[in-house]
């Protein structure tokens, strides 16, 4: 990941870097890797995330279709 620093404005470059990291899901992954997660707990979490993504897609589709 690369961020250009313009006019020695490091604060703006840091904000841009944080935004890129947020979009990539890096912070979420770091939080998940902080502690060991049992495989059974991982499967449960991933299944819950998949259900949540599916429900969100259905809501979005319903809103788009006007229903």
PDB file of N, CA and C in Angstrom:
ATOM      1  N   UNK A   1       0.856  -1.163   0.000  1.00  0.00           N
ATOM      2  CA  UNK A   1       0.000   0.000   0.000  1.00  0.00           C
ATOM      3  C   UNK A   1       0.905   1.229   0.000  1.00  0.00           C
ATOM      4  N   UNK A   2       0.579   2.197  -0.830  1.00  0.00           N
ATOM      5  CA  UNK A   2       1.452   3.341  -0.992  1.00  0.00           C
ATOM      6  C   UNK A   2       0.631   4.619  -0.953  1.00  0.00           C
ATOM      7  N   UNK A   3       1.168   5.625  -0.255  1.00  0.00           N
ATOM      8  CA  UNK A   3       0.518   6.928  -0.150  1.00  0.00           C
ATOM      9  C   UNK A   3       1.561   7.983  -0.456  1.00  0.00           C
ATOM     10  N   UNK A   4       1.205   8.918  -1.304  1.00  0.00           N
ATOM     11  CA  UNK A   4       2.123   9.997  -1.634  1.00  0.00           C
ATOM     12  C   UNK A   4       1.957  11.143  -0.648  1.00  0.00           C
ATOM     13  N   UNK A   5       3.089  11.708  -0.200  1.00  0.00           N
ATOM     14  CA  UNK A   5       3.072  12.867   0.690  1.00  0.00           C
ATOM     15  C   UNK A   5       3.318  14.093  -0.180  1.00  0.00           C
ATOM     16  N   UNK A   6       2.358  14.997  -0.186  1.00  0.00           N
ATOM     17  CA  UNK A   6       2.472  16.198  -1.012  1.00  0.00           C
ATOM     18  C   UNK A   6       2.723  17.411  -0.125  1.00  0.00           C
ATOM     19  N   UNK A   7       3.652  18.239  -0.537  1.00  0.00           N
ATOM     20  CA  UNK A   7       3.981  19.486   0.164  1.00  0.00           C
ATOM     21  C   UNK A   7       4.296  19.254   1.639  1.00  0.00           C
ATOM     22  N   UNK A   8       4.964  18.160   1.957  1.00  0.00           N
ATOM     23  CA  UNK A   8       5.317  17.805   3.339  1.00  0.00           C
ATOM     24  C   UNK A   8       4.112  17.764   4.267  1.00  0.00           C
ATOM     25  N   UNK A   9       2.945  17.445   3.733  1.00  0.00           N
ATOM     26  CA  UNK A   9       1.721  17.375   4.532  1.00  0.00           C
ATOM     27  C   UNK A   9       1.524  15.925   4.987  1.00  0.00           C
ATOM     28  N   UNK A  10       2.199  15.576   6.067  1.00  0.00           N
ATOM     29  CA  UNK A  10       2.183  14.202   6.567  1.00  0.00           C
ATOM     30  C   UNK A  10       0.823  13.866   7.184  1.00  0.00           C
ATOM     31  N   UNK A  11       0.188  14.845   7.820  1.00  0.00           N
ATOM     32  CA  UNK A  11      -1.116  14.590   8.455  1.00  0.00           C
ATOM     33  C   UNK A  11      -2.145  14.130   7.426  1.00  0.00           C
ATOM     34  N   UNK A  12      -2.181  14.789   6.295  1.00  0.00           N
ATOM     35  CA  UNK A  12      -3.130  14.396   5.247  1.00  0.00           C
ATOM     36  C   UNK A  12      -2.780  13.010   4.704  1.00  0.00           C
ATOM     37  N   UNK A  13      -1.495  12.725   4.561  1.00  0.00           N
ATOM     38  CA  UNK A  13      -1.066  11.406   4.059  1.00  0.00           C
ATOM     39  C   UNK A  13      -1.479  10.310   5.034  1.00  0.00           C
ATOM     40  N   UNK A  14      -1.375  10.580   6.331  1.00  0.00           N
ATOM     41  CA  UNK A  14      -1.789   9.588   7.330  1.00  0.00           C
ATOM     42  C   UNK A  14      -3.283   9.346   7.249  1.00  0.00           C
ATOM     43  N   UNK A  15      -4.058  10.412   7.067  1.00  0.00           N
ATOM     44  CA  UNK A  15      -5.518  10.245   6.937  1.00  0.00           C
ATOM     45  C   UNK A  15      -5.864   9.405   5.714  1.00  0.00           C
ATOM     46  N   UNK A  16      -5.179   9.664   4.610  1.00  0.00           N
ATOM     47  CA  UNK A  16      -5.420   8.900   3.384  1.00  0.00           C
ATOM     48  C   UNK A  16      -5.049   7.433   3.602  1.00  0.00           C
ATOM     49  N   UNK A  17      -3.921   7.182   4.281  1.00  0.00           N
ATOM     50  CA  UNK A  17      -3.494   5.811   4.554  1.00  0.00           C
ATOM     51  C   UNK A  17      -4.514   5.088   5.421  1.00  0.00           C
ATOM     52  N   UNK A  18      -4.998   5.749   6.472  1.00  0.00           N
ATOM     53  CA  UNK A  18      -5.993   5.128   7.345  1.00  0.00           C
ATOM     54  C   UNK A  18      -7.265   4.804   6.577  1.00  0.00           C
ATOM     55  N   UNK A  19      -7.679   5.696   5.696  1.00  0.00           N
ATOM     56  CA  UNK A  19      -8.888   5.461   4.895  1.00  0.00           C
ATOM     57  C   UNK A  19      -8.696   4.244   3.987  1.00  0.00           C
ATOM     58  N   UNK A  20      -7.516   4.140   3.358  1.00  0.00           N
ATOM     59  CA  UNK A  20      -7.229   2.987   2.494  1.00  0.00           C
ATOM     60  C   UNK A  20      -7.232   1.694   3.302  1.00  0.00           C
ATOM     61  N   UNK A  21      -6.625   1.732   4.489  1.00  0.00           N
ATOM     62  CA  UNK A  21      -6.570   0.546   5.334  1.00  0.00           C
ATOM     63  C   UNK A  21      -7.970   0.138   5.782  1.00  0.00           C
ATOM     64  N   UNK A  22      -8.816   1.112   6.064  1.00  0.00           N
ATOM     65  CA  UNK A  22     -10.191   0.827   6.475  1.00  0.00           C
ATOM     66  C   UNK A  22     -10.947   0.139   5.337  1.00  0.00           C
ATOM     67  N   UNK A  23     -10.790   0.659   4.121  1.00  0.00           N
ATOM     68  CA  UNK A  23     -11.475   0.077   2.966  1.00  0.00           C
ATOM     69  C   UNK A  23     -11.019  -1.352   2.696  1.00  0.00           C
ATOM     70  N   UNK A  24      -9.731  -1.619   2.908  1.00  0.00           N
ATOM     71  CA  UNK A  24      -9.187  -2.952   2.663  1.00  0.00           C
ATOM     72  C   UNK A  24      -9.576  -3.947   3.749  1.00  0.00           C
ATOM     73  N   UNK A  25     -10.092  -3.466   4.875  1.00  0.00           N
ATOM     74  CA  UNK A  25     -10.476  -4.353   5.960  1.00  0.00           C
ATOM     75  C   UNK A  25      -9.294  -4.763   6.830  1.00  0.00           C
ATOM     76  N   UNK A  26      -8.240  -3.986   6.782  1.00  0.00           N
ATOM     77  CA  UNK A  26      -7.029  -4.328   7.520  1.00  0.00           C
ATOM     78  C   UNK A  26      -7.234  -4.228   9.025  1.00  0.00           C
ATOM     79  N   UNK A  27      -7.954  -3.207   9.475  1.00  0.00           N
ATOM     80  CA  UNK A  27      -8.188  -3.034  10.905  1.00  0.00           C
ATOM     81  C   UNK A  27      -9.019  -4.186  11.461  1.00  0.00           C
ATOM     82  N   UNK A  28     -10.017  -4.609  10.716  1.00  0.00           N
ATOM     83  CA  UNK A  28     -10.863  -5.728  11.147  1.00  0.00           C
ATOM     84  C   UNK A  28     -10.039  -7.006  11.254  1.00  0.00           C
ATOM     85  N   UNK A  29      -9.172  -7.225  10.273  1.00  0.00           N
ATOM     86  CA  UNK A  29      -8.337  -8.424  10.281  1.00  0.00           C
ATOM     87  C   UNK A  29      -7.345  -8.394  11.447  1.00  0.00           C
ATOM     88  N   UNK A  30      -6.771  -7.236  11.738  1.00  0.00           N
ATOM     89  CA  UNK A  30      -5.851  -7.122  12.870  1.00  0.00           C
ATOM     90  C   UNK A  30      -6.574  -7.428  14.174  1.00  0.00           C
ATOM     91  N   UNK A  31      -7.792  -6.956  14.300  1.00  0.00           N
ATOM     92  CA  UNK A  31      -8.569  -7.201  15.510  1.00  0.00           C
ATOM     93  C   UNK A  31      -8.868  -8.695  15.654  1.00  0.00           C
ATOM     94  N   UNK A  32      -9.207  -9.352  14.544  1.00  0.00           N
ATOM     95  CA  UNK A  32      -9.511 -10.781  14.585  1.00  0.00           C
ATOM     96  C   UNK A  32      -8.275 -11.607  14.939  1.00  0.00           C
ATOM     97  N   UNK A  33      -7.111 -11.193  14.498  1.00  0.00           N
ATOM     98  CA  UNK A  33      -5.882 -11.960  14.725  1.00  0.00           C
ATOM     99  C   UNK A  33      -5.241 -11.676  16.081  1.00  0.00           C
ATOM    100  N   UNK A  34      -5.809 -10.740  16.836  1.00  0.00           N
ATOM    101  CA  UNK A  34      -5.225 -10.373  18.120  1.00  0.00           C
ATOM    102  C   UNK A  34      -5.197 -11.553  19.085  1.00  0.00           C
ATOM    103  N   UNK A  35      -6.202 -12.405  19.004  1.00  0.00           N
ATOM    104  CA  UNK A  35      -6.276 -13.556  19.893  1.00  0.00           C
ATOM    105  C   UNK A  35      -6.645 -14.787  19.064  1.00  0.00           C
ATOM    106  N   UNK A  36      -6.309 -15.961  19.578  1.00  0.00           N
ATOM    107  CA  UNK A  36      -6.617 -17.201  18.883  1.00  0.00           C
ATOM    108  C   UNK A  36      -8.122 -17.428  18.857  1.00  0.00           C
ATOM    109  N   UNK A  37      -8.599 -17.892  17.729  1.00  0.00           N
ATOM    110  CA  UNK A  37     -10.023 -18.194  17.582  1.00  0.00           C
ATOM    111  C   UNK A  37     -10.150 -19.672  17.217  1.00  0.00           C
ATOM    112  N   UNK A  38     -10.929 -20.378  18.004  1.00  0.00           N
ATOM    113  CA  UNK A  38     -11.116 -21.800  17.729  1.00  0.00           C
ATOM    114  C   UNK A  38     -11.784 -21.969  16.363  1.00  0.00           C
ATOM    115  N   UNK A  39     -11.448 -23.052  15.659  1.00  0.00           N
ATOM    116  CA  UNK A  39     -12.039 -23.272  14.331  1.00  0.00           C
ATOM    117  C   UNK A  39     -13.566 -23.298  14.355  1.00  0.00           C
ATOM    118  N   UNK A  40     -14.159 -23.870  15.406  1.00  0.00           N
ATOM    119  CA  UNK A  40     -15.616 -23.917  15.465  1.00  0.00           C
ATOM    120  C   UNK A  40     -16.185 -22.506  15.618  1.00  0.00           C
ATOM    121  N   UNK A  41     -15.524 -21.670  16.413  1.00  0.00           N
ATOM    122  CA  UNK A  41     -15.980 -20.283  16.579  1.00  0.00           C
ATOM    123  C   UNK A  41     -15.813 -19.500  15.279  1.00  0.00           C
ATOM    124  N   UNK A  42     -14.743 -19.804  14.545  1.00  0.00           N
ATOM    125  CA  UNK A  42     -14.506 -19.125  13.263  1.00  0.00           C
ATOM    126  C   UNK A  42     -15.611 -19.459  12.264  1.00  0.00           C
ATOM    127  N   UNK A  43     -15.995 -20.742  12.217  1.00  0.00           N
ATOM    128  CA  UNK A  43     -17.069 -21.147  11.306  1.00  0.00           C
ATOM    129  C   UNK A  43     -18.377 -20.452  11.673  1.00  0.00           C
ATOM    130  N   UNK A  44     -18.659 -20.383  12.960  1.00  0.00           N
ATOM    131  CA  UNK A  44     -19.897 -19.729  13.415  1.00  0.00           C
ATOM    132  C   UNK A  44     -19.882 -18.259  13.014  1.00  0.00           C
ATOM    133  N   UNK A  45     -18.741 -17.573  13.233  1.00  0.00           N
ATOM    134  CA  UNK A  45     -18.639 -16.152  12.899  1.00  0.00           C
ATOM    135  C   UNK A  45     -18.769 -15.939  11.396  1.00  0.00           C
ATOM    136  N   UNK A  46     -18.088 -16.759  10.607  1.00  0.00           N
ATOM    137  CA  UNK A  46     -18.145 -16.599   9.161  1.00  0.00           C
ATOM    138  C   UNK A  46     -19.543 -16.862   8.625  1.00  0.00           C
ATOM    139  N   UNK A  47     -20.237 -17.834   9.198  1.00  0.00           N
ATOM    140  CA  UNK A  47     -21.605 -18.117   8.761  1.00  0.00           C
ATOM    141  C   UNK A  47     -22.515 -16.943   9.098  1.00  0.00           C
ATOM    142  N   UNK A  48     -22.352 -16.361  10.284  1.00  0.00           N
ATOM    143  CA  UNK A  48     -23.154 -15.202  10.674  1.00  0.00           C
ATOM    144  C   UNK A  48     -22.868 -14.015   9.751  1.00  0.00           C
ATOM    145  N   UNK A  49     -21.602 -13.823   9.381  1.00  0.00           N
ATOM    146  CA  UNK A  49     -21.262 -12.735   8.468  1.00  0.00           C
ATOM    147  C   UNK A  49     -21.883 -12.955   7.091  1.00  0.00           C
ATOM    148  N   UNK A  50     -21.901 -14.202   6.626  1.00  0.00           N
ATOM    149  CA  UNK A  50     -22.494 -14.507   5.323  1.00  0.00           C
ATOM    150  C   UNK A  50     -23.990 -14.232   5.344  1.00  0.00           C
ATOM    151  N   UNK A  51     -24.661 -14.600   6.430  1.00  0.00           N
ATOM    152  CA  UNK A  51     -26.094 -14.340   6.558  1.00  0.00           C
ATOM    153  C   UNK A  51     -26.350 -12.841   6.550  1.00  0.00           C
ATOM    154  N   UNK A  52     -25.512 -12.101   7.271  1.00  0.00           N
ATOM    155  CA  UNK A  52     -25.662 -10.651   7.336  1.00  0.00           C
ATOM    156  C   UNK A  52     -25.473 -10.026   5.956  1.00  0.00           C
ATOM    157  N   UNK A  53     -24.452 -10.474   5.211  1.00  0.00           N
ATOM    158  CA  UNK A  53     -24.232  -9.952   3.856  1.00  0.00           C
ATOM    159  C   UNK A  53     -25.417 -10.250   2.961  1.00  0.00           C
ATOM    160  N   UNK A  54     -25.969 -11.462   3.080  1.00  0.00           N
ATOM    161  CA  UNK A  54     -27.106 -11.854   2.259  1.00  0.00           C
ATOM    162  C   UNK A  54     -28.325 -10.982   2.572  1.00  0.00           C
ATOM    163  N   UNK A  55     -28.604 -10.786   3.856  1.00  0.00           N
ATOM    164  CA  UNK A  55     -29.743  -9.947   4.251  1.00  0.00           C
ATOM    165  C   UNK A  55     -29.574  -8.520   3.754  1.00  0.00           C
ATOM    166  N   UNK A  56     -28.343  -8.006   3.826  1.00  0.00           N
ATOM    167  CA  UNK A  56     -28.078  -6.653   3.353  1.00  0.00           C
ATOM    168  C   UNK A  56     -28.325  -6.565   1.849  1.00  0.00           C
ATOM    169  N   UNK A  57     -27.886  -7.585   1.105  1.00  0.00           N
ATOM    170  CA  UNK A  57     -28.094  -7.597  -0.347  1.00  0.00           C
ATOM    171  C   UNK A  57     -29.582  -7.654  -0.679  1.00  0.00           C
ATOM    172  N   UNK A  58     -30.331  -8.444   0.077  1.00  0.00           N
ATOM    173  CA  UNK A  58     -31.773  -8.543  -0.148  1.00  0.00           C
ATOM    174  C   UNK A  58     -32.444  -7.195   0.127  1.00  0.00           C
ATOM    175  N   UNK A  59     -32.064  -6.550   1.241  1.00  0.00           N
ATOM    176  CA  UNK A  59     -32.621  -5.224   1.560  1.00  0.00           C
ATOM    177  C   UNK A  59     -32.321  -4.228   0.448  1.00  0.00           C
ATOM    178  N   UNK A  60     -31.074  -4.250  -0.025  1.00  0.00           N
ATOM    179  CA  UNK A  60     -30.667  -3.329  -1.083  1.00  0.00           C
ATOM    180  C   UNK A  60     -31.462  -3.593  -2.363  1.00  0.00           C
ATOM    181  N   UNK A  61     -31.648  -4.882  -2.702  1.00  0.00           N
ATOM    182  CA  UNK A  61     -32.401  -5.255  -3.895  1.00  0.00           C
ATOM    183  C   UNK A  61     -33.866  -4.820  -3.776  1.00  0.00           C
ATOM    184  N   UNK A  62     -34.439  -5.013  -2.582  1.00  0.00           N
ATOM    185  CA  UNK A  62     -35.829  -4.616  -2.358  1.00  0.00           C
ATOM    186  C   UNK A  62     -35.991  -3.101  -2.476  1.00  0.00           C
ATOM    187  N   UNK A  63     -35.037  -2.373  -1.941  1.00  0.00           N
ATOM    188  CA  UNK A  63     -35.103  -0.912  -2.009  1.00  0.00           C
ATOM    189  C   UNK A  63     -34.978  -0.433  -3.449  1.00  0.00           C
ATOM    190  N   UNK A  64     -34.061  -1.067  -4.199  1.00  0.00           N
ATOM    191  CA  UNK A  64     -33.846  -0.692  -5.596  1.00  0.00           C
ATOM    192  C   UNK A  64     -35.080  -1.014  -6.444  1.00  0.00           C
ATOM    193  N   UNK A  65     -35.722  -2.157  -6.184  1.00  0.00           N
ATOM    194  CA  UNK A  65     -36.883  -2.561  -6.968  1.00  0.00           C
ATOM    195  C   UNK A  65     -38.156  -1.843  -6.536  1.00  0.00           C
ATOM    196  N   UNK A  66     -38.075  -1.099  -5.443  1.00  0.00           N
ATOM    197  CA  UNK A  66     -39.236  -0.350  -4.981  1.00  0.00           C
ATOM    198  C   UNK A  66     -40.231  -1.186  -4.200  1.00  0.00           C
ATOM    199  N   UNK A  67     -39.779  -2.281  -3.649  1.00  0.00           N
ATOM    200  CA  UNK A  67     -40.695  -3.170  -2.975  1.00  0.00           C
ATOM    201  C   UNK A  67     -40.524  -3.102  -1.522  1.00  0.00           C
TER     202      UNK A  67
END
